[in-house]
Amino acid sequence: MDNDDKVFARLARPDATSRTEADIQSDVRMLLLGSRFNLDAPRLEEQLEDGTRRRIDVAVGATVIEVKKRLDTEDAARGYIVQLAGYVATRTEQDQSRYNGILTDGRNWWLYEVDPATGAFERRSTFTLSRPDQGPRWWSGSRQCWPRTRI
């Protein structure tokens, strides 16, 4: 089993409740650095530089990734979604370009985008990681999240 497979296996475990958000965040970063994605270093704990102390957990390309310990339902995660929407709105305003947001607990991945017609921050796609070979297919289908060239 290579390192990428080990990271996928850790993230896919449904019983990984003893892991901290920092553990999950580190694995998400390692996943994005792995050979399956070919991305330059995702940025961890990136300061928003908006006069607050808010920090984006993981930033890569035009995607903001917020890591939480556990995601169950959208209703239970409402506060997390509002937090992610704020990060995406701030980045969009700062850079005058489109951003996406991903909310994840490592196993569950929820992709959010701002609807250009309504301005609503909506979940566009959902993925639950259960096998190492599944992730790259979902992320490839959500390719607008990742830059085509190395950042």
Protein backbone atom coordinates (compact mmCIF):
# COMPACT_ATOMS: atom_id res chain seq x y z
CA MET A 1 0.00 0.00 0.00
CA ASP A 2 1.55 3.33 -1.04
CA ASN A 3 1.33 6.53 0.98
CA ASP A 4 -1.67 7.84 -1.01
CA ASP A 5 -3.59 4.64 -0.23
CA LYS A 6 -2.76 4.97 3.47
CA VAL A 7 -4.12 8.52 3.54
CA PHE A 8 -7.28 7.44 1.69
CA ALA A 9 -7.73 4.55 4.13
CA ARG A 10 -7.45 6.86 7.16
CA LEU A 11 -9.89 9.35 5.69
CA ALA A 12 -12.40 6.67 4.67
CA ARG A 13 -12.69 5.09 8.12
CA PRO A 14 -16.19 5.80 9.45
CA ASP A 15 -15.11 5.07 13.03
CA ALA A 16 -12.27 7.59 13.14
CA THR A 17 -13.94 9.68 15.85
CA SER A 18 -10.77 9.96 17.90
CA ARG A 19 -9.07 11.97 15.16
CA THR A 20 -8.87 15.73 15.57
CA GLU A 21 -9.72 18.32 12.94
CA ALA A 22 -5.98 19.00 12.69
CA ASP A 23 -5.34 15.30 11.92
CA ILE A 24 -7.98 15.33 9.20
CA GLN A 25 -6.71 18.65 7.83
CA SER A 26 -3.20 17.22 7.59
CA ASP A 27 -4.47 14.15 5.73
CA VAL A 28 -6.51 16.30 3.32
CA ARG A 29 -3.35 18.27 2.56
CA MET A 30 -1.34 15.04 2.07
CA LEU A 31 -4.08 13.73 -0.21
CA LEU A 32 -3.92 16.84 -2.40
CA LEU A 33 -0.13 16.68 -2.51
CA GLY A 34 -0.23 13.02 -3.55
CA SER A 35 0.54 11.69 -6.98
CA ARG A 36 -3.13 11.40 -7.98
CA PHE A 37 -3.64 15.18 -8.00
CA ASN A 38 -0.27 16.64 -8.99
CA LEU A 39 -0.92 19.95 -7.23
CA ASP A 40 1.62 22.24 -5.64
CA ALA A 41 1.33 22.64 -1.90
CA PRO A 42 -2.17 23.45 -0.71
CA ARG A 43 -2.04 26.27 1.77
CA LEU A 44 -3.01 25.45 5.38
CA GLU A 45 -4.49 27.90 7.85
CA GLU A 46 -4.45 30.72 5.30
CA GLN A 47 -5.26 34.10 6.85
CA LEU A 48 -8.16 35.85 5.12
CA GLU A 49 -6.50 39.26 5.46
CA ASP A 50 -9.87 40.94 5.91
CA GLY A 51 -9.14 42.57 9.26
CA THR A 52 -10.30 39.51 11.20
CA ARG A 53 -8.45 36.50 12.57
CA ARG A 54 -10.42 34.10 10.36
CA ARG A 55 -8.38 31.42 8.63
CA ILE A 56 -9.18 29.05 5.79
CA ASP A 57 -8.30 25.46 6.77
CA VAL A 58 -7.03 24.46 3.31
CA ALA A 59 -6.83 26.60 0.18
CA VAL A 60 -5.91 25.28 -3.25
CA GLY A 61 -6.48 27.10 -6.50
CA ALA A 62 -9.97 28.64 -6.44
CA THR A 63 -11.20 26.28 -3.74
CA VAL A 64 -11.65 26.86 -0.05
CA ILE A 65 -11.77 23.67 2.04
CA GLU A 66 -13.19 23.73 5.55
CA VAL A 67 -12.42 20.65 7.66
CA LYS A 68 -14.67 19.53 10.48
CA LYS A 69 -14.46 16.53 12.77
CA ARG A 70 -17.83 15.10 11.74
CA LEU A 71 -20.47 15.85 9.11
CA ASP A 72 -23.85 14.18 9.42
CA THR A 73 -26.61 16.29 7.91
CA GLU A 74 -26.80 19.70 6.31
CA ASP A 75 -29.10 20.87 9.10
CA ALA A 76 -26.59 19.82 11.77
CA ALA A 77 -23.78 21.46 9.77
CA ARG A 78 -25.63 24.75 9.14
CA GLY A 79 -23.08 26.80 11.13
CA TYR A 80 -20.20 25.22 9.22
CA ILE A 81 -21.90 25.98 5.90
CA VAL A 82 -22.40 29.62 6.90
CA GLN A 83 -18.72 29.79 7.90
CA LEU A 84 -17.62 28.30 4.54
CA ALA A 85 -19.95 30.66 2.63
CA GLY A 86 -18.30 33.60 4.39
CA TYR A 87 -14.84 32.41 3.40
CA VAL A 88 -15.89 31.92 -0.23
CA ALA A 89 -17.58 35.34 -0.34
CA THR A 90 -14.50 37.04 1.12
CA ARG A 91 -12.13 35.35 -1.34
CA THR A 92 -14.46 36.13 -4.26
CA GLU A 93 -14.59 39.79 -3.26
CA GLN A 94 -10.83 40.04 -2.64
CA ASP A 95 -9.79 38.41 -5.92
CA GLN A 96 -12.77 39.39 -8.07
CA SER A 97 -12.98 35.80 -9.30
CA ARG A 98 -15.12 32.76 -8.72
CA TYR A 99 -14.44 30.42 -5.78
CA ASN A 100 -15.87 27.09 -4.69
CA GLY A 101 -16.09 25.69 -1.21
CA ILE A 102 -15.72 22.15 0.10
CA LEU A 103 -16.85 21.09 3.53
CA THR A 104 -15.33 17.78 4.63
CA ASP A 105 -14.71 15.52 7.58
CA GLY A 106 -12.32 13.51 5.40
CA ARG A 107 -14.88 10.85 4.61
CA ASN A 108 -17.79 13.06 3.49
CA TRP A 109 -17.10 15.76 0.90
CA TRP A 110 -19.70 18.42 0.09
CA LEU A 111 -19.00 20.81 -2.81
CA TYR A 112 -20.66 24.25 -2.63
CA GLU A 113 -20.89 27.03 -5.19
CA VAL A 114 -22.58 30.39 -5.41
CA ASP A 115 -25.46 30.25 -7.87
CA PRO A 116 -24.79 33.13 -10.30
CA ALA A 117 -28.50 33.68 -10.92
CA THR A 118 -29.61 33.88 -7.28
CA GLY A 119 -26.44 34.43 -5.27
CA ALA A 120 -27.39 31.47 -3.05
CA PHE A 121 -24.59 29.31 -1.65
CA GLU A 122 -25.72 25.82 -2.65
CA ARG A 123 -24.44 22.30 -2.35
CA ARG A 124 -23.74 21.03 -5.86
CA SER A 125 -22.23 17.63 -5.22
CA THR A 126 -21.70 15.12 -2.44
CA PHE A 127 -19.24 12.30 -2.13
CA THR A 128 -18.56 9.72 0.60
CA LEU A 129 -15.12 8.18 0.46
CA SER A 130 -15.20 4.46 1.14
CA ARG A 131 -12.46 3.10 -1.15
CA PRO A 132 -9.16 4.67 -2.19
CA ASP A 133 -9.97 4.41 -5.91
CA GLN A 134 -13.20 6.43 -5.57
CA GLY A 135 -11.85 9.84 -4.63
CA PRO A 136 -10.02 10.77 -7.82
CA ARG A 137 -13.11 10.00 -9.91
CA TRP A 138 -15.32 12.36 -7.88
CA TRP A 139 -12.72 15.09 -7.78
CA SER A 140 -12.16 14.74 -11.51
CA GLY A 141 -15.90 15.22 -12.01
CA SER A 142 -15.65 18.34 -9.86
CA ARG A 143 -12.65 19.54 -11.85
CA GLN A 144 -13.62 23.19 -11.66
CA CYS A 145 -12.33 23.05 -8.10
CA TRP A 146 -8.76 22.38 -9.08
CA PRO A 147 -6.47 24.48 -11.22
CA ARG A 148 -5.43 22.95 -14.53
CA THR A 149 -1.89 24.09 -14.03
CA ARG A 150 0.27 23.84 -10.96
CA ILE A 151 -0.21 26.78 -8.61
